[in-house]
Amino acid sequence: MKSTNSKSIFPNSNQVFYDLFNSAVANVTEMARLLNEAVNAPTSYEQKFNFAHIDKLKFKSYEITHRVFSESGKMLISPFNRKDMCDLASAIDDVADRITMAARRINLYNVPVITQPMIDLSALILKTSTELEKAVNAMNNLSKSSEIFELCSNIKKLEAQADSVHNKAFADLLNNEKDPIELIKYTDVFAAMETATDSCEDTTLIIESILIKNG
């Protein structure tokens, strides 16, 4: 008599992909947390330590994305079509890229003062990344579409807040910063940070498309 507790020798291919997506988005949230810690760090040493860790996690993001591309070409069964899986993996990796870019701008430009808009934007990057992680985790069960759509909506609202912070900070810079070099530095940093929230919103568009196709 066959044991009911026996396990298949074949992996659950859907779970393989869900695990990869969950790992990718958890990695992004950790990068966002490190960025937030960096701009709030009391010392330059702690700030640079967090920036260095973000660079390491960016490489991890690339590895996970590569695995999704590789596995999607081999598996006969997948949670949704291959193009959508690759698009989702690439979009999550783009968020990691943007967070890394923001961290590198702050680090390389050695900005003299961490301003309140930078602190606010880093907090919003962390919030959008955390909501994105929840949305991707919920995709393990596509029947939770209403919950996932709501999380996507939350991300869009947070991105709008980041736009507002960015626009006000940029206007203040134009009005008050007299040093053209510092103006360029801060403008580039603000833009890089705001783009990180943009990339989270871009990912929600792919998630929503997947939900509609598989609803």
N, C-alpha and C. Protein backbone atom coordinates (compact mmCIF):
# COMPACT_ATOMS: atom_id res chain seq x y z
N MET A 1 0.85 -1.20 0.00
CA MET A 1 0.00 0.00 0.00
C MET A 1 0.88 1.24 0.00
N LYS A 2 0.56 2.20 -0.86
CA LYS A 2 1.36 3.41 -1.00
C LYS A 2 1.12 4.35 0.17
N SER A 3 2.20 4.85 0.76
CA SER A 3 2.08 5.76 1.90
C SER A 3 1.52 7.10 1.47
N THR A 4 0.58 7.62 2.24
CA THR A 4 0.00 8.94 1.94
C THR A 4 0.96 10.07 2.30
N ASN A 5 2.02 9.72 3.06
CA ASN A 5 2.98 10.73 3.46
C ASN A 5 4.16 10.86 2.51
N SER A 6 4.17 10.02 1.46
CA SER A 6 5.30 10.06 0.53
C SER A 6 5.30 11.37 -0.23
N LYS A 7 6.50 11.87 -0.51
CA LYS A 7 6.64 13.12 -1.22
C LYS A 7 7.09 12.85 -2.65
N SER A 8 6.62 13.70 -3.56
CA SER A 8 7.01 13.56 -4.95
C SER A 8 8.49 13.88 -5.10
N ILE A 9 9.17 13.16 -6.00
CA ILE A 9 10.57 13.44 -6.27
C ILE A 9 10.72 14.69 -7.13
N PHE A 10 9.58 15.16 -7.69
CA PHE A 10 9.61 16.34 -8.53
C PHE A 10 9.23 17.58 -7.71
N PRO A 11 9.95 18.66 -7.88
CA PRO A 11 9.63 19.87 -7.12
C PRO A 11 8.34 20.51 -7.62
N ASN A 12 7.66 21.22 -6.72
CA ASN A 12 6.49 21.99 -7.11
C ASN A 12 7.01 23.21 -7.87
N SER A 13 6.88 23.20 -9.21
CA SER A 13 7.50 24.25 -10.02
C SER A 13 6.91 25.62 -9.71
N ASN A 14 5.59 25.67 -9.44
CA ASN A 14 4.99 26.95 -9.07
C ASN A 14 5.66 27.52 -7.83
N GLN A 15 5.89 26.67 -6.82
CA GLN A 15 6.48 27.14 -5.57
C GLN A 15 7.92 27.58 -5.78
N VAL A 16 8.62 26.94 -6.72
CA VAL A 16 9.99 27.36 -7.03
C VAL A 16 10.00 28.83 -7.43
N PHE A 17 9.07 29.20 -8.31
CA PHE A 17 9.01 30.58 -8.78
C PHE A 17 8.53 31.54 -7.70
N TYR A 18 7.51 31.12 -6.95
CA TYR A 18 7.02 31.98 -5.88
C TYR A 18 8.13 32.25 -4.86
N ASP A 19 8.91 31.21 -4.54
CA ASP A 19 10.01 31.38 -3.60
C ASP A 19 11.05 32.37 -4.13
N LEU A 20 11.31 32.29 -5.44
CA LEU A 20 12.27 33.22 -6.05
C LEU A 20 11.75 34.65 -6.00
N PHE A 21 10.49 34.85 -6.35
CA PHE A 21 9.91 36.19 -6.31
C PHE A 21 9.90 36.73 -4.88
N ASN A 22 9.52 35.87 -3.93
CA ASN A 22 9.47 36.31 -2.53
C ASN A 22 10.87 36.68 -2.03
N SER A 23 11.86 35.90 -2.45
CA SER A 23 13.24 36.19 -2.05
C SER A 23 13.72 37.50 -2.66
N ALA A 24 13.36 37.72 -3.93
CA ALA A 24 13.78 38.95 -4.62
C ALA A 24 13.20 40.19 -3.95
N VAL A 25 11.92 40.13 -3.60
CA VAL A 25 11.28 41.32 -3.05
C VAL A 25 11.67 41.52 -1.58
N ALA A 26 11.96 40.44 -0.87
CA ALA A 26 12.48 40.57 0.50
C ALA A 26 13.87 41.23 0.47
N ASN A 27 14.64 40.90 -0.53
CA ASN A 27 15.95 41.50 -0.71
C ASN A 27 15.84 43.00 -0.96
N VAL A 28 14.85 43.38 -1.77
CA VAL A 28 14.62 44.81 -2.04
C VAL A 28 14.23 45.55 -0.76
N THR A 29 13.36 44.95 0.03
CA THR A 29 12.95 45.59 1.29
C THR A 29 14.14 45.77 2.23
N GLU A 30 15.02 44.78 2.26
CA GLU A 30 16.22 44.89 3.09
C GLU A 30 17.12 46.02 2.59
N MET A 31 17.24 46.16 1.27
CA MET A 31 18.03 47.26 0.71
C MET A 31 17.43 48.61 1.09
N ALA A 32 16.11 48.70 1.03
CA ALA A 32 15.42 49.94 1.40
C ALA A 32 15.62 50.24 2.88
N ARG A 33 15.61 49.20 3.72
CA ARG A 33 15.83 49.39 5.16
C ARG A 33 17.24 49.92 5.41
N LEU A 34 18.20 49.38 4.69
CA LEU A 34 19.59 49.82 4.85
C LEU A 34 19.77 51.26 4.39
N LEU A 35 19.08 51.64 3.30
CA LEU A 35 19.15 53.02 2.84
C LEU A 35 18.57 53.96 3.89
N ASN A 36 17.44 53.55 4.46
CA ASN A 36 16.81 54.37 5.49
C ASN A 36 17.72 54.50 6.72
N GLU A 37 18.38 53.40 7.09
CA GLU A 37 19.31 53.46 8.21
C GLU A 37 20.51 54.35 7.88
N ALA A 38 20.94 54.30 6.62
CA ALA A 38 22.11 55.08 6.21
C ALA A 38 21.87 56.58 6.35
N VAL A 39 20.72 57.04 5.87
CA VAL A 39 20.48 58.49 5.94
C VAL A 39 20.18 58.95 7.36
N ASN A 40 19.88 58.01 8.24
CA ASN A 40 19.64 58.35 9.65
C ASN A 40 20.83 57.97 10.54
N ALA A 41 21.91 57.50 9.93
CA ALA A 41 23.06 57.03 10.70
C ALA A 41 23.74 58.18 11.43
N PRO A 42 24.15 57.96 12.68
CA PRO A 42 24.79 59.04 13.45
C PRO A 42 26.23 59.30 13.04
N THR A 43 26.86 58.34 12.36
CA THR A 43 28.27 58.51 11.97
C THR A 43 28.45 58.18 10.49
N SER A 44 29.49 58.75 9.91
CA SER A 44 29.84 58.47 8.51
C SER A 44 30.20 57.00 8.32
N TYR A 45 30.86 56.41 9.33
CA TYR A 45 31.26 55.00 9.24
C TYR A 45 30.03 54.10 9.09
N GLU A 46 29.02 54.31 9.94
CA GLU A 46 27.80 53.50 9.87
C GLU A 46 27.08 53.71 8.55
N GLN A 47 27.08 54.96 8.08
CA GLN A 47 26.43 55.26 6.80
C GLN A 47 27.09 54.49 5.67
N LYS A 48 28.42 54.54 5.60
CA LYS A 48 29.15 53.88 4.53
C LYS A 48 29.05 52.35 4.63
N PHE A 49 28.97 51.84 5.86
CA PHE A 49 28.78 50.40 6.05
C PHE A 49 27.47 49.95 5.42
N ASN A 50 26.40 50.72 5.63
CA ASN A 50 25.10 50.38 5.05
C ASN A 50 25.13 50.50 3.52
N PHE A 51 25.81 51.51 3.00
CA PHE A 51 25.92 51.65 1.55
C PHE A 51 26.64 50.45 0.94
N ALA A 52 27.70 49.99 1.60
CA ALA A 52 28.45 48.84 1.10
C ALA A 52 27.58 47.58 1.09
N HIS A 53 26.76 47.43 2.11
CA HIS A 53 25.86 46.27 2.20
C HIS A 53 24.81 46.32 1.09
N ILE A 54 24.32 47.50 0.77
CA ILE A 54 23.36 47.66 -0.32
C ILE A 54 23.97 47.17 -1.64
N ASP A 55 25.23 47.51 -1.88
CA ASP A 55 25.91 47.06 -3.10
C ASP A 55 25.96 45.54 -3.17
N LYS A 56 26.22 44.89 -2.05
CA LYS A 56 26.27 43.42 -2.02
C LYS A 56 24.90 42.83 -2.33
N LEU A 57 23.85 43.43 -1.78
CA LEU A 57 22.51 42.91 -2.00
C LEU A 57 22.05 43.15 -3.44
N LYS A 58 22.59 44.16 -4.10
CA LYS A 58 22.26 44.38 -5.50
C LYS A 58 22.73 43.20 -6.34
N PHE A 59 23.89 42.67 -6.03
CA PHE A 59 24.39 41.51 -6.76
C PHE A 59 23.49 40.30 -6.50
N LYS A 60 23.00 40.17 -5.27
CA LYS A 60 22.06 39.09 -4.95
C LYS A 60 20.80 39.22 -5.79
N SER A 61 20.31 40.44 -5.96
CA SER A 61 19.11 40.67 -6.78
C SER A 61 19.34 40.21 -8.21
N TYR A 62 20.50 40.53 -8.74
CA TYR A 62 20.84 40.09 -10.10
C TYR A 62 20.82 38.57 -10.20
N GLU A 63 21.37 37.89 -9.20
CA GLU A 63 21.43 36.43 -9.22
C GLU A 63 20.03 35.82 -9.20
N ILE A 64 19.14 36.38 -8.39
CA ILE A 64 17.78 35.85 -8.31
C ILE A 64 17.07 36.06 -9.65
N THR A 65 17.22 37.23 -10.24
CA THR A 65 16.60 37.52 -11.53
C THR A 65 17.09 36.54 -12.59
N HIS A 66 18.39 36.29 -12.59
CA HIS A 66 18.97 35.33 -13.55
C HIS A 66 18.36 33.94 -13.35
N ARG A 67 18.15 33.55 -12.11
CA ARG A 67 17.55 32.23 -11.84
C ARG A 67 16.13 32.15 -12.36
N VAL A 68 15.35 33.22 -12.21
CA VAL A 68 13.98 33.21 -12.74
C VAL A 68 14.02 33.01 -14.26
N PHE A 69 14.88 33.75 -14.93
CA PHE A 69 15.01 33.62 -16.38
C PHE A 69 15.42 32.19 -16.75
N SER A 70 16.38 31.65 -16.02
CA SER A 70 16.89 30.31 -16.32
C SER A 70 15.84 29.23 -16.06
N GLU A 71 15.20 29.28 -14.88
CA GLU A 71 14.21 28.27 -14.51
C GLU A 71 12.97 28.34 -15.40
N SER A 72 12.58 29.54 -15.79
CA SER A 72 11.38 29.68 -16.61
C SER A 72 11.55 29.04 -17.99
N GLY A 73 12.80 28.90 -18.42
CA GLY A 73 13.05 28.26 -19.70
C GLY A 73 13.09 26.75 -19.62
N LYS A 74 13.16 26.22 -18.38
CA LYS A 74 13.27 24.77 -18.21
C LYS A 74 11.98 24.11 -17.71
N MET A 75 11.20 24.84 -16.91
CA MET A 75 10.02 24.26 -16.29
C MET A 75 8.87 24.12 -17.29
N LEU A 76 8.19 22.98 -17.22
CA LEU A 76 7.03 22.77 -18.09
C LEU A 76 5.79 23.44 -17.53
N ILE A 77 5.76 23.60 -16.20
CA ILE A 77 4.61 24.21 -15.54
C ILE A 77 5.08 25.45 -14.79
N SER A 78 4.31 26.52 -14.88
CA SER A 78 4.67 27.75 -14.18
C SER A 78 3.40 28.45 -13.71
N PRO A 79 3.51 29.33 -12.72
CA PRO A 79 2.31 29.97 -12.16
C PRO A 79 1.59 30.89 -13.16
N PHE A 80 2.34 31.49 -14.06
CA PHE A 80 1.77 32.29 -15.16
C PHE A 80 2.77 32.29 -16.30
N ASN A 81 2.45 32.97 -17.40
CA ASN A 81 3.29 32.78 -18.59
C ASN A 81 4.71 33.33 -18.41
N ARG A 82 5.62 32.79 -19.21
CA ARG A 82 7.04 33.06 -19.04
C ARG A 82 7.36 34.55 -19.16
N LYS A 83 6.78 35.23 -20.13
CA LYS A 83 7.07 36.66 -20.31
C LYS A 83 6.69 37.45 -19.06
N ASP A 84 5.52 37.15 -18.49
CA ASP A 84 5.09 37.86 -17.29
C ASP A 84 6.02 37.59 -16.11
N MET A 85 6.49 36.35 -16.00
CA MET A 85 7.43 36.02 -14.92
C MET A 85 8.73 36.79 -15.08
N CYS A 86 9.24 36.83 -16.32
CA CYS A 86 10.48 37.56 -16.57
C CYS A 86 10.30 39.06 -16.36
N ASP A 87 9.13 39.58 -16.78
CA ASP A 87 8.84 41.01 -16.58
C ASP A 87 8.78 41.36 -15.10
N LEU A 88 8.15 40.49 -14.31
CA LEU A 88 8.03 40.74 -12.87
C LEU A 88 9.41 40.69 -12.21
N ALA A 89 10.21 39.67 -12.57
CA ALA A 89 11.55 39.56 -12.00
C ALA A 89 12.40 40.78 -12.36
N SER A 90 12.30 41.22 -13.61
CA SER A 90 13.07 42.39 -14.05
C SER A 90 12.63 43.65 -13.34
N ALA A 91 11.32 43.79 -13.13
CA ALA A 91 10.79 44.98 -12.46
C ALA A 91 11.26 45.05 -11.01
N ILE A 92 11.27 43.92 -10.32
CA ILE A 92 11.76 43.89 -8.94
C ILE A 92 13.25 44.22 -8.91
N ASP A 93 13.98 43.69 -9.88
CA ASP A 93 15.41 43.99 -9.98
C ASP A 93 15.64 45.48 -10.27
N ASP A 94 14.73 46.09 -11.04
CA ASP A 94 14.84 47.53 -11.30
C ASP A 94 14.71 48.34 -10.01
N VAL A 95 13.84 47.90 -9.10
CA VAL A 95 13.71 48.58 -7.82
C VAL A 95 15.05 48.52 -7.08
N ALA A 96 15.66 47.32 -7.09
CA ALA A 96 16.97 47.17 -6.45
C ALA A 96 18.00 48.08 -7.10
N ASP A 97 17.94 48.19 -8.43
CA ASP A 97 18.86 49.09 -9.16
C ASP A 97 18.71 50.53 -8.69
N ARG A 98 17.46 50.97 -8.57
CA ARG A 98 17.20 52.37 -8.22
C ARG A 98 17.61 52.68 -6.78
N ILE A 99 17.39 51.72 -5.88
CA ILE A 99 17.82 51.93 -4.49
C ILE A 99 19.35 52.01 -4.44
N THR A 100 20.00 51.13 -5.20
CA THR A 100 21.46 51.16 -5.26
C THR A 100 21.96 52.48 -5.83
N MET A 101 21.30 52.96 -6.86
CA MET A 101 21.69 54.24 -7.47
C MET A 101 21.56 55.38 -6.47
N ALA A 102 20.46 55.40 -5.72
CA ALA A 102 20.27 56.45 -4.72
C ALA A 102 21.37 56.40 -3.67
N ALA A 103 21.68 55.19 -3.20
CA ALA A 103 22.73 55.03 -2.19
C ALA A 103 24.08 55.50 -2.73
N ARG A 104 24.37 55.12 -3.96
CA ARG A 104 25.66 55.51 -4.55
C ARG A 104 25.77 57.01 -4.76
N ARG A 105 24.67 57.66 -5.13
CA ARG A 105 24.69 59.11 -5.32
C ARG A 105 25.05 59.80 -4.00
N ILE A 106 24.37 59.39 -2.93
CA ILE A 106 24.62 60.01 -1.62
C ILE A 106 26.08 59.77 -1.20
N ASN A 107 26.54 58.54 -1.41
CA ASN A 107 27.88 58.16 -0.99
C ASN A 107 28.97 58.84 -1.82
N LEU A 108 28.85 58.76 -3.14
CA LEU A 108 29.89 59.29 -4.02
C LEU A 108 29.95 60.81 -4.01
N TYR A 109 28.76 61.44 -3.91
CA TYR A 109 28.75 62.91 -3.89
C TYR A 109 29.16 63.46 -2.53
N ASN A 110 29.16 62.57 -1.54
CA ASN A 110 29.55 62.99 -0.19
C ASN A 110 28.80 64.27 0.20
N VAL A 111 27.48 64.21 0.08
CA VAL A 111 26.67 65.41 0.34
C VAL A 111 26.94 65.91 1.77
N PRO A 112 27.13 67.20 1.95
CA PRO A 112 27.54 67.73 3.25
C PRO A 112 26.50 67.57 4.36
N VAL A 113 25.21 67.61 3.98
CA VAL A 113 24.14 67.53 4.98
C VAL A 113 23.06 66.57 4.48
N ILE A 114 22.66 65.63 5.33
CA ILE A 114 21.50 64.79 5.03
C ILE A 114 20.27 65.62 5.37
N THR A 115 19.56 66.05 4.35
CA THR A 115 18.44 66.96 4.56
C THR A 115 17.16 66.21 4.91
N GLN A 116 16.18 66.95 5.40
CA GLN A 116 14.89 66.33 5.75
C GLN A 116 14.22 65.67 4.55
N PRO A 117 14.23 66.29 3.36
CA PRO A 117 13.64 65.60 2.21
C PRO A 117 14.30 64.25 1.91
N MET A 118 15.61 64.14 2.11
CA MET A 118 16.29 62.86 1.90
C MET A 118 15.82 61.83 2.91
N ILE A 119 15.63 62.26 4.15
CA ILE A 119 15.12 61.36 5.20
C ILE A 119 13.69 60.94 4.87
N ASP A 120 12.88 61.90 4.43
CA ASP A 120 11.48 61.60 4.09
C ASP A 120 11.39 60.66 2.89
N LEU A 121 12.22 60.89 1.89
CA LEU A 121 12.19 60.04 0.69
C LEU A 121 12.66 58.63 1.01
N SER A 122 13.67 58.51 1.85
CA SER A 122 14.14 57.16 2.21
C SER A 122 13.07 56.40 2.98
N ALA A 123 12.32 57.10 3.83
CA ALA A 123 11.22 56.47 4.56
C ALA A 123 10.13 55.99 3.60
N LEU A 124 9.86 56.80 2.58
CA LEU A 124 8.84 56.43 1.59
C LEU A 124 9.32 55.27 0.72
N ILE A 125 10.60 55.22 0.41
CA ILE A 125 11.16 54.08 -0.33
C ILE A 125 10.96 52.80 0.47
N LEU A 126 11.22 52.88 1.77
CA LEU A 126 11.03 51.71 2.63
C LEU A 126 9.57 51.30 2.69
N LYS A 127 8.67 52.27 2.80
CA LYS A 127 7.24 51.95 2.86
C LYS A 127 6.74 51.32 1.56
N THR A 128 7.16 51.89 0.42
CA THR A 128 6.71 51.32 -0.87
C THR A 128 7.28 49.92 -1.07
N SER A 129 8.53 49.72 -0.67
CA SER A 129 9.15 48.40 -0.81
C SER A 129 8.46 47.37 0.08
N THR A 130 8.09 47.79 1.29
CA THR A 130 7.40 46.88 2.21
C THR A 130 6.03 46.49 1.66
N GLU A 131 5.30 47.46 1.10
CA GLU A 131 4.00 47.15 0.51
C GLU A 131 4.16 46.27 -0.73
N LEU A 132 5.23 46.50 -1.50
CA LEU A 132 5.49 45.66 -2.67
C LEU A 132 5.78 44.23 -2.24
N GLU A 133 6.52 44.08 -1.17
CA GLU A 133 6.80 42.72 -0.67
C GLU A 133 5.51 42.01 -0.28
N LYS A 134 4.61 42.74 0.38
CA LYS A 134 3.32 42.14 0.75
C LYS A 134 2.54 41.71 -0.49
N ALA A 135 2.55 42.56 -1.52
CA ALA A 135 1.80 42.27 -2.75
C ALA A 135 2.35 41.03 -3.45
N VAL A 136 3.67 40.96 -3.56
CA VAL A 136 4.28 39.81 -4.23
C VAL A 136 4.07 38.54 -3.42
N ASN A 137 4.20 38.62 -2.11
CA ASN A 137 3.93 37.46 -1.25
C ASN A 137 2.51 36.95 -1.44
N ALA A 138 1.56 37.88 -1.57
CA ALA A 138 0.15 37.50 -1.72
C ALA A 138 -0.11 36.83 -3.06
N MET A 139 0.79 37.01 -4.03
CA MET A 139 0.60 36.39 -5.34
C MET A 139 0.76 34.88 -5.31
N ASN A 140 1.23 34.34 -4.18
CA ASN A 140 1.26 32.88 -4.03
C ASN A 140 -0.14 32.30 -4.19
N ASN A 141 -1.14 33.14 -3.96
CA ASN A 141 -2.53 32.73 -4.13
C ASN A 141 -3.23 33.83 -4.94
N LEU A 142 -3.31 33.63 -6.26
CA LEU A 142 -3.86 34.68 -7.13
C LEU A 142 -5.34 34.94 -6.90
N SER A 143 -5.98 34.07 -6.13
CA SER A 143 -7.40 34.32 -5.82
C SER A 143 -7.54 35.48 -4.84
N LYS A 144 -6.42 35.92 -4.23
CA LYS A 144 -6.45 37.07 -3.32
C LYS A 144 -6.33 38.38 -4.10
N SER A 145 -6.94 38.42 -5.27
CA SER A 145 -6.72 39.57 -6.16
C SER A 145 -7.15 40.90 -5.53
N SER A 146 -8.25 40.91 -4.77
CA SER A 146 -8.71 42.17 -4.19
C SER A 146 -7.69 42.71 -3.19
N GLU A 147 -7.10 41.82 -2.41
CA GLU A 147 -6.07 42.22 -1.45
C GLU A 147 -4.83 42.75 -2.18
N ILE A 148 -4.46 42.09 -3.26
CA ILE A 148 -3.27 42.49 -4.01
C ILE A 148 -3.50 43.84 -4.70
N PHE A 149 -4.69 44.01 -5.28
CA PHE A 149 -5.01 45.30 -5.91
C PHE A 149 -4.95 46.43 -4.89
N GLU A 150 -5.42 46.16 -3.68
CA GLU A 150 -5.40 47.19 -2.63
C GLU A 150 -3.96 47.56 -2.25
N LEU A 151 -3.09 46.56 -2.17
CA LEU A 151 -1.69 46.83 -1.87
C LEU A 151 -1.04 47.64 -2.99
N CYS A 152 -1.39 47.32 -4.23
CA CYS A 152 -0.88 48.09 -5.37
C CYS A 152 -1.34 49.54 -5.30
N SER A 153 -2.60 49.72 -4.88
CA SER A 153 -3.13 51.07 -4.73
C SER A 153 -2.38 51.84 -3.65
N ASN A 154 -2.04 51.15 -2.55
CA ASN A 154 -1.26 51.78 -1.49
C ASN A 154 0.10 52.27 -2.00
N ILE A 155 0.72 51.45 -2.84
CA ILE A 155 2.03 51.79 -3.40
C ILE A 155 1.92 53.05 -4.27
N LYS A 156 0.86 53.13 -5.05
CA LYS A 156 0.66 54.31 -5.92
C LYS A 156 0.45 55.58 -5.08
N LYS A 157 -0.24 55.45 -3.97
CA LYS A 157 -0.44 56.61 -3.09
C LYS A 157 0.89 57.06 -2.47
N LEU A 158 1.70 56.09 -2.07
CA LEU A 158 3.00 56.41 -1.49
C LEU A 158 3.91 57.05 -2.53
N GLU A 159 3.84 56.57 -3.77
CA GLU A 159 4.64 57.15 -4.84
C GLU A 159 4.24 58.60 -5.09
N ALA A 160 2.94 58.87 -5.00
CA ALA A 160 2.47 60.26 -5.16
C ALA A 160 3.02 61.14 -4.04
N GLN A 161 3.09 60.60 -2.83
CA GLN A 161 3.69 61.36 -1.72
C GLN A 161 5.16 61.65 -1.99
N ALA A 162 5.86 60.66 -2.54
CA ALA A 162 7.28 60.86 -2.87
C ALA A 162 7.45 61.93 -3.94
N ASP A 163 6.55 61.94 -4.92
CA ASP A 163 6.56 63.00 -5.95
C ASP A 163 6.45 64.37 -5.30
N SER A 164 5.54 64.48 -4.35
CA SER A 164 5.30 65.75 -3.68
C SER A 164 6.53 66.20 -2.89
N VAL A 165 7.14 65.26 -2.16
CA VAL A 165 8.35 65.58 -1.40
C VAL A 165 9.47 66.02 -2.35
N HIS A 166 9.63 65.28 -3.43
CA HIS A 166 10.68 65.59 -4.41
C HIS A 166 10.47 66.97 -5.02
N ASN A 167 9.25 67.24 -5.44
CA ASN A 167 8.97 68.52 -6.12
C ASN A 167 9.21 69.72 -5.19
N LYS A 168 8.78 69.58 -3.93
CA LYS A 168 8.98 70.67 -2.96
C LYS A 168 10.47 70.86 -2.67
N ALA A 169 11.18 69.74 -2.51
CA ALA A 169 12.62 69.81 -2.22
C ALA A 169 13.37 70.47 -3.38
N PHE A 170 12.98 70.13 -4.60
CA PHE A 170 13.63 70.69 -5.77
C PHE A 170 13.36 72.20 -5.87
N ALA A 171 12.12 72.59 -5.61
CA ALA A 171 11.78 74.01 -5.64
C ALA A 171 12.56 74.79 -4.58
N ASP A 172 12.68 74.21 -3.40
CA ASP A 172 13.44 74.87 -2.33
C ASP A 172 14.91 75.01 -2.71
N LEU A 173 15.46 73.98 -3.37
CA LEU A 173 16.85 74.03 -3.82
C LEU A 173 17.07 75.19 -4.79
N LEU A 174 16.18 75.29 -5.76
CA LEU A 174 16.31 76.35 -6.77
C LEU A 174 16.25 77.74 -6.14
N ASN A 175 15.45 77.85 -5.09
CA ASN A 175 15.27 79.16 -4.46
C ASN A 175 16.38 79.52 -3.47
N ASN A 176 16.99 78.50 -2.87
CA ASN A 176 17.89 78.78 -1.74
C ASN A 176 19.34 78.36 -1.92
N GLU A 177 19.61 77.39 -2.78
CA GLU A 177 20.99 76.93 -2.93
C GLU A 177 21.75 77.81 -3.92
N LYS A 178 22.81 78.44 -3.43
CA LYS A 178 23.58 79.38 -4.26
C LYS A 178 24.78 78.72 -4.95
N ASP A 179 25.23 77.62 -4.37
CA ASP A 179 26.39 76.93 -4.94
C ASP A 179 25.92 75.99 -6.05
N PRO A 180 26.32 76.22 -7.32
CA PRO A 180 25.82 75.41 -8.43
C PRO A 180 26.22 73.93 -8.33
N ILE A 181 27.39 73.65 -7.75
CA ILE A 181 27.82 72.26 -7.59
C ILE A 181 26.92 71.53 -6.60
N GLU A 182 26.65 72.18 -5.47
CA GLU A 182 25.76 71.57 -4.47
C GLU A 182 24.35 71.41 -5.02
N LEU A 183 23.93 72.37 -5.83
CA LEU A 183 22.61 72.28 -6.46
C LEU A 183 22.51 71.03 -7.33
N ILE A 184 23.55 70.78 -8.11
CA ILE A 184 23.57 69.60 -8.97
C ILE A 184 23.57 68.32 -8.13
N LYS A 185 24.39 68.30 -7.09
CA LYS A 185 24.46 67.11 -6.23
C LYS A 185 23.11 66.76 -5.63
N TYR A 186 22.49 67.73 -4.96
CA TYR A 186 21.23 67.45 -4.28
C TYR A 186 20.11 67.14 -5.28
N THR A 187 20.11 67.84 -6.40
CA THR A 187 19.09 67.56 -7.43
C THR A 187 19.18 66.12 -7.89
N ASP A 188 20.41 65.64 -8.13
CA ASP A 188 20.61 64.28 -8.60
C ASP A 188 20.22 63.26 -7.54
N VAL A 189 20.57 63.56 -6.29
CA VAL A 189 20.21 62.64 -5.19
C VAL A 189 18.70 62.55 -5.05
N PHE A 190 18.02 63.69 -5.02
CA PHE A 190 16.56 63.68 -4.89
C PHE A 190 15.91 62.90 -6.04
N ALA A 191 16.41 63.12 -7.25
CA ALA A 191 15.84 62.44 -8.42
C ALA A 191 16.04 60.93 -8.33
N ALA A 192 17.23 60.51 -7.90
CA ALA A 192 17.51 59.07 -7.78
C ALA A 192 16.61 58.42 -6.73
N MET A 193 16.40 59.12 -5.62
CA MET A 193 15.55 58.57 -4.56
C MET A 193 14.09 58.48 -5.00
N GLU A 194 13.62 59.51 -5.68
CA GLU A 194 12.23 59.51 -6.13
C GLU A 194 12.00 58.42 -7.19
N THR A 195 13.02 58.17 -8.01
CA THR A 195 12.91 57.14 -9.04
C THR A 195 12.74 55.75 -8.43
N ALA A 196 13.28 55.55 -7.23
CA ALA A 196 13.12 54.25 -6.56
C ALA A 196 11.64 53.97 -6.27
N THR A 197 10.90 55.00 -5.87
CA THR A 197 9.47 54.80 -5.63
C THR A 197 8.73 54.65 -6.96
N ASP A 198 9.20 55.34 -8.00
CA ASP A 198 8.61 55.16 -9.33
C ASP A 198 8.70 53.70 -9.77
N SER A 199 9.84 53.08 -9.52
CA SER A 199 10.04 51.70 -9.96
C SER A 199 9.14 50.73 -9.20
N CYS A 200 8.83 51.06 -7.94
CA CYS A 200 7.86 50.24 -7.20
C CYS A 200 6.48 50.34 -7.85
N GLU A 201 6.10 51.56 -8.23
CA GLU A 201 4.81 51.74 -8.91
C GLU A 201 4.81 51.01 -10.25
N ASP A 202 5.90 51.07 -10.99
CA ASP A 202 5.99 50.36 -12.27
C ASP A 202 5.76 48.86 -12.08
N THR A 203 6.27 48.32 -10.98
CA THR A 203 6.10 46.89 -10.70
C THR A 203 4.63 46.55 -10.45
N THR A 204 3.90 47.48 -9.83
CA THR A 204 2.48 47.20 -9.58
C THR A 204 1.70 47.06 -10.88
N LEU A 205 2.11 47.76 -11.93
CA LEU A 205 1.42 47.66 -13.21
C LEU A 205 1.56 46.26 -13.79
N ILE A 206 2.73 45.67 -13.60
CA ILE A 206 2.94 44.29 -14.06
C ILE A 206 2.13 43.32 -13.22
N ILE A 207 2.12 43.54 -11.91
CA ILE A 207 1.34 42.68 -11.01
C ILE A 207 -0.14 42.74 -11.38
N GLU A 208 -0.65 43.94 -11.59
CA GLU A 208 -2.07 44.08 -11.94
C GLU A 208 -2.38 43.41 -13.28
N SER A 209 -1.48 43.51 -14.23
CA SER A 209 -1.66 42.85 -15.52
C SER A 209 -1.72 41.34 -15.36
N ILE A 210 -0.85 40.79 -14.51
CA ILE A 210 -0.85 39.35 -14.24
C ILE A 210 -2.18 38.93 -13.61
N LEU A 211 -2.67 39.71 -12.66
CA LEU A 211 -3.94 39.40 -11.99
C LEU A 211 -5.09 39.39 -12.99
N ILE A 212 -5.11 40.38 -13.88
CA ILE A 212 -6.20 40.47 -14.88
C ILE A 212 -6.15 39.28 -15.84
N LYS A 213 -4.95 38.92 -16.27
CA LYS A 213 -4.80 37.80 -17.21
C LYS A 213 -5.17 36.46 -16.59
N ASN A 214 -4.93 36.35 -15.28
CA ASN A 214 -5.16 35.06 -14.61
C ASN A 214 -6.36 35.06 -13.69
N GLY A 215 -7.21 36.10 -13.83
CA GLY A 215 -8.37 36.23 -12.95
C GLY A 215 -9.51 35.30 -13.35
